[in-house]
C-alpha atoms as a PDB file:
ATOM      1  CA  MET A   1       0.142   0.265  -0.138  1.00  0.00           C
ATOM      2  CA  ILE A   2       1.253   3.485  -0.731  1.00  0.00           C
ATOM      3  CA  TYR A   3       1.229   6.114   2.257  1.00  0.00           C
ATOM      4  CA  GLU A   4       1.441   9.675   1.955  1.00  0.00           C
ATOM      5  CA  ALA A   5       2.140  12.169   4.837  1.00  0.00           C
ATOM      6  CA  THR A   6       3.623  15.409   5.574  1.00  0.00           C
ATOM      7  CA  ILE A   7       7.032  15.995   6.982  1.00  0.00           C
ATOM      8  CA  GLU A   8       7.813  20.099   7.767  1.00  0.00           C
ATOM      9  CA  GLY A   9       5.469  20.798   5.526  1.00  0.00           C
ATOM     10  CA  VAL A  10       6.617  18.661   2.527  1.00  0.00           C
ATOM     11  CA  LEU A  11       4.462  16.038   1.296  1.00  0.00           C
ATOM     12  CA  VAL A  12       6.065  12.576   1.121  1.00  0.00           C
ATOM     13  CA  ARG A  13       5.150   8.940  -0.215  1.00  0.00           C
ATOM     14  CA  THR A  14       6.086   5.547   0.384  1.00  0.00           C
ATOM     15  CA  GLY A  15       9.132   4.931  -1.210  1.00  0.00           C
ATOM     16  CA  ASP A  16      10.395   8.609  -1.115  1.00  0.00           C
ATOM     17  CA  ILE A  17      13.785   9.772   0.061  1.00  0.00           C
ATOM     18  CA  ILE A  18      14.323  11.854   3.356  1.00  0.00           C
ATOM     19  CA  CYS A  19      16.997  13.910   3.286  1.00  0.00           C
ATOM     20  CA  THR A  20      19.048  15.494   6.105  1.00  0.00           C
ATOM     21  CA  ALA A  21      22.101  17.042   7.536  1.00  0.00           C
ATOM     22  CA  ASN A  22      23.978  16.051  10.099  1.00  0.00           C
ATOM     23  CA  GLY A  23      23.178  17.628  13.711  1.00  0.00           C
ATOM     24  CA  VAL A  24      20.641  20.439  14.970  1.00  0.00           C
ATOM     25  CA  GLU A  25      21.292  23.942  16.253  1.00  0.00           C
ATOM     26  CA  ALA A  26      20.728  23.227  20.010  1.00  0.00           C
ATOM     27  CA  GLY A  27      23.242  21.568  22.309  1.00  0.00           C
ATOM     28  CA  VAL A  28      26.668  20.617  22.121  1.00  0.00           C
ATOM     29  CA  LEU A  29      25.504  17.235  21.011  1.00  0.00           C
ATOM     30  CA  GLY A  30      23.814  18.589  17.946  1.00  0.00           C
ATOM     31  CA  ARG A  31      27.022  20.663  17.245  1.00  0.00           C
ATOM     32  CA  LEU A  32      28.992  17.181  17.423  1.00  0.00           C
ATOM     33  CA  TRP A  33      26.672  15.844  14.714  1.00  0.00           C
ATOM     34  CA  GLN A  34      27.264  19.005  12.780  1.00  0.00           C
ATOM     35  CA  ALA A  35      31.071  18.618  12.655  1.00  0.00           C
ATOM     36  CA  LEU A  36      30.458  14.782  11.798  1.00  0.00           C
ATOM     37  CA  GLY A  37      28.542  15.941   8.778  1.00  0.00           C
ATOM     38  CA  SER A  38      31.544  18.231   7.598  1.00  0.00           C
ATOM     39  CA  ILE A  39      33.385  14.717   6.610  1.00  0.00           C
ATOM     40  CA  VAL A  40      30.539  13.681   4.130  1.00  0.00           C
ATOM     41  CA  PRO A  41      30.680  15.622   0.959  1.00  0.00           C
ATOM     42  CA  GLY A  42      27.690  17.488   0.022  1.00  0.00           C
ATOM     43  CA  GLU A  43      24.638  18.515   1.723  1.00  0.00           C
ATOM     44  CA  ILE A  44      23.035  15.647   2.201  1.00  0.00           C
ATOM     45  CA  ASP A  45      24.616  13.800   5.114  1.00  0.00           C
ATOM     46  CA  HIS A  46      21.662  10.836   5.791  1.00  0.00           C
ATOM     47  CA  ALA A  47      19.130   9.288   3.874  1.00  0.00           C
ATOM     48  CA  VAL A  48      15.814   7.375   5.408  1.00  0.00           C
ATOM     49  CA  LEU A  49      13.463   5.433   3.052  1.00  0.00           C
ATOM     50  CA  TYR A  50       9.475   6.895   4.378  1.00  0.00           C
ATOM     51  CA  LEU A  51       7.229   3.880   4.757  1.00  0.00           C
ATOM     52  CA  GLY A  52       4.254   5.195   6.181  1.00  0.00           C
ATOM     53  CA  PRO A  53       1.546   5.381   7.527  1.00  0.00           C
ATOM     54  CA  GLY A  54       2.248   8.404   9.541  1.00  0.00           C
ATOM     55  CA  GLY A  55       5.835   9.404  10.501  1.00  0.00           C
ATOM     56  CA  ARG A  56       6.959   5.593   9.903  1.00  0.00           C
ATOM     57  CA  CYS A  57      10.198   5.186   8.365  1.00  0.00           C
ATOM     58  CA  VAL A  58      12.973   3.039   7.799  1.00  0.00           C
ATOM     59  CA  GLU A  59      17.118   3.480   7.931  1.00  0.00           C
ATOM     60  CA  ALA A  60      20.544   2.184   7.855  1.00  0.00           C
ATOM     61  CA  GLY A  61      22.348   4.029  11.060  1.00  0.00           C
ATOM     62  CA  ALA A  62      24.358   3.271  14.009  1.00  0.00           C
ATOM     63  CA  ARG A  63      22.055   0.787  15.371  1.00  0.00           C
ATOM     64  CA  GLY A  64      21.683  -1.484  11.712  1.00  0.00           C
ATOM     65  CA  VAL A  65      18.688  -1.045   9.665  1.00  0.00           C
ATOM     66  CA  ILE A  66      15.861   0.006  11.844  1.00  0.00           C
ATOM     67  CA  VAL A  67      12.224   0.877  11.669  1.00  0.00           C
ATOM     68  CA  PHE A  68      11.260   3.937  13.507  1.00  0.00           C
ATOM     69  CA  ALA A  69       8.163   6.404  13.743  1.00  0.00           C
ATOM     70  CA  MET A  70       8.226  10.342  13.700  1.00  0.00           C
ATOM     71  CA  PRO A  71       5.769  12.694  15.314  1.00  0.00           C
ATOM     72  CA  GLU A  72       3.136  13.600  12.619  1.00  0.00           C
ATOM     73  CA  GLY A  73       4.140  16.059  10.593  1.00  0.00           C
ATOM     74  CA  ARG A  74       7.590  16.838  12.372  1.00  0.00           C
ATOM     75  CA  TRP A  75      11.183  15.757  11.429  1.00  0.00           C
ATOM     76  CA  ALA A  76      12.118  15.595  15.555  1.00  0.00           C
ATOM     77  CA  ALA A  77      15.602  14.014  15.781  1.00  0.00           C
ATOM     78  CA  GLU A  78      16.386  15.040  19.419  1.00  0.00           C
ATOM     79  CA  GLU A  79      13.117  13.416  20.275  1.00  0.00           C
ATOM     80  CA  ALA A  80      13.615  10.404  18.504  1.00  0.00           C
ATOM     81  CA  LEU A  81      17.286  10.110  19.753  1.00  0.00           C
ATOM     82  CA  ALA A  82      17.202   7.112  22.123  1.00  0.00           C
ATOM     83  CA  GLU A  83      15.756   4.851  19.340  1.00  0.00           C
ATOM     84  CA  ARG A  84      17.939   6.346  16.625  1.00  0.00           C
ATOM     85  CA  TRP A  85      21.164   7.239  17.647  1.00  0.00           C
ATOM     86  CA  ILE A  86      21.053  10.044  15.319  1.00  0.00           C
ATOM     87  CA  LEU A  87      20.863  13.847  15.807  1.00  0.00           C
ATOM     88  CA  ASP A  88      19.980  15.398  12.217  1.00  0.00           C
ATOM     89  CA  THR A  89      17.855  18.146  10.452  1.00  0.00           C
ATOM     90  CA  PHE A  90      15.481  17.799   7.872  1.00  0.00           C
ATOM     91  CA  VAL A  91      16.553  19.239   4.652  1.00  0.00           C
ATOM     92  CA  GLY A  92      13.909  17.837   1.970  1.00  0.00           C
ATOM     93  CA  VAL A  93      12.294  14.908  -0.150  1.00  0.00           C
ATOM     94  CA  ALA A  94      13.481  13.091  -2.995  1.00  0.00           C
ATOM     95  CA  ASP A  95      11.231  11.185  -5.348  1.00  0.00           C
ATOM     96  CA  PRO A  96      13.756   8.650  -7.327  1.00  0.00           C
ATOM     97  CA  LEU A  97      10.992   7.700  -9.497  1.00  0.00           C
ATOM     98  CA  ALA A  98      10.251  11.101 -10.946  1.00  0.00           C
ATOM     99  CA  SER A  99      10.563  11.551 -14.854  1.00  0.00           C
ATOM    100  CA  ARG A 100      11.368   7.792 -15.004  1.00  0.00           C
ATOM    101  CA  GLY A 101       8.492   7.269 -17.534  1.00  0.00           C
ATOM    102  CA  LEU A 102       6.953   4.593 -15.607  1.00  0.00           C
ATOM    103  CA  PRO A 103       3.266   3.764 -15.620  1.00  0.00           C
ATOM    104  CA  PRO A 104       1.523   4.450 -12.343  1.00  0.00           C
ATOM    105  CA  GLU A 105       0.994   0.603 -11.760  1.00  0.00           C
ATOM    106  CA  GLU A 106       4.420   0.036 -12.603  1.00  0.00           C
ATOM    107  CA  GLU A 107       5.610   3.117  -9.934  1.00  0.00           C
ATOM    108  CA  ARG A 108       3.294   1.566  -7.052  1.00  0.00           C
ATOM    109  CA  ARG A 109       4.957  -2.089  -7.544  1.00  0.00           C
ATOM    110  CA  VAL A 110       8.166  -0.518  -7.393  1.00  0.00           C
ATOM    111  CA  ARG A 111       7.418   1.978  -4.243  1.00  0.00           C
ATOM    112  CA  VAL A 112       5.696  -0.819  -2.543  1.00  0.00           C
ATOM    113  CA  GLU A 113       8.719  -3.557  -3.888  1.00  0.00           C
ATOM    114  CA  VAL A 114      11.388  -0.829  -2.106  1.00  0.00           C
ATOM    115  CA  ALA A 115       9.205  -0.538   1.143  1.00  0.00           C
ATOM    116  CA  ARG A 116       9.367  -4.253   1.646  1.00  0.00           C
ATOM    117  CA  TYR A 117      12.870  -4.651   0.773  1.00  0.00           C
ATOM    118  CA  CYS A 118      14.001  -2.093   3.334  1.00  0.00           C
ATOM    119  CA  GLU A 119      11.689  -3.437   6.159  1.00  0.00           C
ATOM    120  CA  ALA A 120      12.974  -7.207   5.631  1.00  0.00           C
ATOM    121  CA  GLN A 121      16.409  -5.805   6.245  1.00  0.00           C
ATOM    122  CA  ALA A 122      15.452  -4.109   9.450  1.00  0.00           C
ATOM    123  CA  GLY A 123      13.077  -7.564  10.306  1.00  0.00           C
ATOM    124  CA  ALA A 124      16.318  -9.413   9.694  1.00  0.00           C
ATOM    125  CA  GLY A 125      18.538  -7.038  11.701  1.00  0.00           C
ATOM    126  CA  LYS A 126      21.423  -6.420   9.372  1.00  0.00           C
ATOM    127  CA  PRO A 127      23.974  -4.338  10.952  1.00  0.00           C
ATOM    128  CA  TYR A 128      25.549  -1.060   9.940  1.00  0.00           C
ATOM    129  CA  ASN A 129      27.977  -1.106   6.723  1.00  0.00           C
ATOM    130  CA  VAL A 130      31.439   0.642   7.933  1.00  0.00           C
ATOM    131  CA  ASN A 131      32.946  -0.525   4.271  1.00  0.00           C
ATOM    132  CA  PHE A 132      31.263   2.252   2.527  1.00  0.00           C
ATOM    133  CA  PHE A 133      33.172   1.124  -0.758  1.00  0.00           C
ATOM    134  CA  ASP A 134      31.182  -2.067  -0.749  1.00  0.00           C
ATOM    135  CA  PRO A 135      27.710  -0.926  -1.610  1.00  0.00           C
ATOM    136  CA  GLU A 136      26.918  -4.408  -3.236  1.00  0.00           C
ATOM    137  CA  THR A 137      26.773  -6.296  -0.047  1.00  0.00           C
ATOM    138  CA  ASP A 138      23.738  -7.552   1.113  1.00  0.00           C
ATOM    139  CA  ALA A 139      25.077  -8.333   4.590  1.00  0.00           C
ATOM    140  CA  ALA A 140      25.242  -4.788   5.880  1.00  0.00           C
ATOM    141  CA  PHE A 141      23.850  -1.530   4.815  1.00  0.00           C
ATOM    142  CA  TYR A 142      25.135   1.967   5.610  1.00  0.00           C
ATOM    143  CA  CYS A 143      21.874   4.611   4.712  1.00  0.00           C
ATOM    144  CA  SER A 144      22.389   5.391   1.480  1.00  0.00           C
ATOM    145  CA  GLN A 145      23.162   2.059   0.661  1.00  0.00           C
ATOM    146  CA  LEU A 146      20.085   0.393   1.987  1.00  0.00           C
ATOM    147  CA  ILE A 147      18.096   2.899  -0.377  1.00  0.00           C
ATOM    148  CA  TYR A 148      19.903   1.920  -3.584  1.00  0.00           C
ATOM    149  CA  LYS A 149      19.824  -1.633  -3.063  1.00  0.00           C
ATOM    150  CA  ALA A 150      16.261  -1.793  -2.265  1.00  0.00           C
ATOM    151  CA  TYR A 151      15.700   0.569  -5.644  1.00  0.00           C
ATOM    152  CA  LEU A 152      18.318  -1.808  -7.929  1.00  0.00           C
ATOM    153  CA  ALA A 153      16.382  -5.071  -6.425  1.00  0.00           C
ATOM    154  CA  SER A 154      13.376  -3.514  -8.287  1.00  0.00           C
ATOM    155  CA  GLY A 155      15.282  -2.340 -11.824  1.00  0.00           C
ATOM    156  CA  VAL A 156      16.303   1.358 -10.788  1.00  0.00           C
ATOM    157  CA  ASP A 157      19.614   2.333 -10.229  1.00  0.00           C
ATOM    158  CA  LEU A 158      19.982   5.432  -8.185  1.00  0.00           C
ATOM    159  CA  ALA A 159      23.602   5.619  -8.094  1.00  0.00           C
ATOM    160  CA  LEU A 160      24.126   7.881 -10.698  1.00  0.00           C
ATOM    161  CA  GLY A 161      21.023   9.386 -11.939  1.00  0.00           C
ATOM    162  CA  PRO A 162      18.127   8.563 -14.428  1.00  0.00           C
ATOM    163  CA  GLY A 163      19.484   6.638 -17.561  1.00  0.00           C
ATOM    164  CA  ALA A 164      22.800   6.513 -15.931  1.00  0.00           C
ATOM    165  CA  SER A 165      24.525   3.232 -13.903  1.00  0.00           C
ATOM    166  CA  LEU A 166      27.306   2.417 -11.804  1.00  0.00           C
ATOM    167  CA  ASN A 167      29.800   0.017 -12.914  1.00  0.00           C
ATOM    168  CA  HIS A 168      28.849  -2.550 -10.528  1.00  0.00           C
ATOM    169  CA  GLY A 169      31.872  -4.621  -8.881  1.00  0.00           C
ATOM    170  CA  GLU A 170      34.296  -1.360  -8.548  1.00  0.00           C
ATOM    171  CA  ALA A 171      34.991   0.365  -5.428  1.00  0.00           C
ATOM    172  CA  THR A 172      32.557   3.157  -5.024  1.00  0.00           C
ATOM    173  CA  ILE A 173      30.674   4.907  -2.346  1.00  0.00           C
ATOM    174  CA  VAL A 174      26.863   5.539  -3.206  1.00  0.00           C
ATOM    175  CA  LEU A 175      26.387   8.819  -1.135  1.00  0.00           C
ATOM    176  CA  PRO A 176      23.116  10.637   0.230  1.00  0.00           C
ATOM    177  CA  GLN A 177      23.819  13.505  -1.741  1.00  0.00           C
ATOM    178  CA  HIS A 178      23.821  11.071  -4.888  1.00  0.00           C
ATOM    179  CA  LEU A 179      20.631   9.976  -3.955  1.00  0.00           C
ATOM    180  CA  TRP A 180      19.393  13.667  -3.853  1.00  0.00           C
ATOM    181  CA  GLN A 181      20.895  15.251  -6.726  1.00  0.00           C
ATOM    182  CA  ASN A 182      19.886  12.273  -8.932  1.00  0.00           C
ATOM    183  CA  SER A 183      16.424  11.910  -8.345  1.00  0.00           C
ATOM    184  CA  ALA A 184      14.837  14.335 -10.859  1.00  0.00           C
ATOM    185  CA  ARG A 185      12.078  15.895  -8.239  1.00  0.00           C
ATOM    186  CA  ARG A 186      13.568  17.234  -5.195  1.00  0.00           C
ATOM    187  CA  ARG A 187      11.492  19.112  -2.390  1.00  0.00           C
ATOM    188  CA  ALA A 188      12.636  21.137   0.646  1.00  0.00           C
ATOM    189  CA  GLY A 189      11.251  22.799   3.663  1.00  0.00           C
ATOM    190  CA  GLY A 190      11.790  26.273   4.401  1.00  0.00           C
ATOM    191  CA  ASP A 191      12.818  27.976   7.882  1.00  0.00           C
ATOM    192  CA  GLN A 192       9.064  27.111   9.260  1.00  0.00           C
ATOM    193  CA  GLY A 193       8.897  24.247   7.023  1.00  0.00           C
ATOM    194  CA  THR A 194       7.151  25.935   4.183  1.00  0.00           C
ATOM    195  CA  PRO A 195       7.629  24.142   1.103  1.00  0.00           C
ATOM    196  CA  LEU A 196       9.900  25.573  -1.223  1.00  0.00           C
ATOM    197  CA  GLY A 197       8.522  23.896  -4.170  1.00  0.00           C
ATOM    198  CA  GLU A 198       9.930  21.412  -6.545  1.00  0.00           C
ATOM    199  CA  LEU A 199      13.745  21.188  -7.051  1.00  0.00           C
ATOM    200  CA  ARG A 200      15.454  20.349 -10.622  1.00  0.00           C
ATOM    201  CA  GLY A 201      18.668  19.491 -11.774  1.00  0.00           C
END
C-alpha cells in the first residue's frame, strides 16, 4: 500500500527519500553531529526511506537497519535520539521515480517492493556497513546503500541518476548526496517547514 504524509510541510509518499543534514542547532551534542556531517561530501549527510503510515520510516544507521516513527508532521530528531542514535535536521524529500517514465501501476509496484525490501532488512537485524566502498553487499548497510540496493532490486539504479549506471563491482561509495541530486524531483522545507517547491537538476 502507498501512504502519504506531510513532514515539515513537504508531501512524502511511500518510497520517497527523506534527506537530512547531520546535527541540530541546539546543544553541544547537536553541534558535534554537525561536525561529523562536515566530513560527508555534499549538503545531504543521511538518507531515510519513508514507509508510512504516519511518520513511519526505515534507515541504516549506528544501530543497524531499523524501523522508527517520527511524530506526525515533524522531523523531531531530538525526540527520537534514544531510538535512532542520530541527530539530524530535515533538508527535503527526493522522489527517485519522477521523470523515469514509469506507468502509474509500475511506479506503485516499485514503491511497495522498495518498502518491503527495506523492512525485510530491518526485520533481519542487518548491521551497519562500515565499509563504504562495498555498496553491493546485502550483509550490512549504510544509509544510502540501503536505499540504493532496495531500488536496484526493483530495476531502478539510483547511483548515478536516471539513465546512468554504476559500474557494478568497482569500489564506489553511493553517497546520500547522490540520491538527492540524482532524483529528478526534490522538495525542500523552508525555515518554518514551508515547502520551497520542486527543485530541478
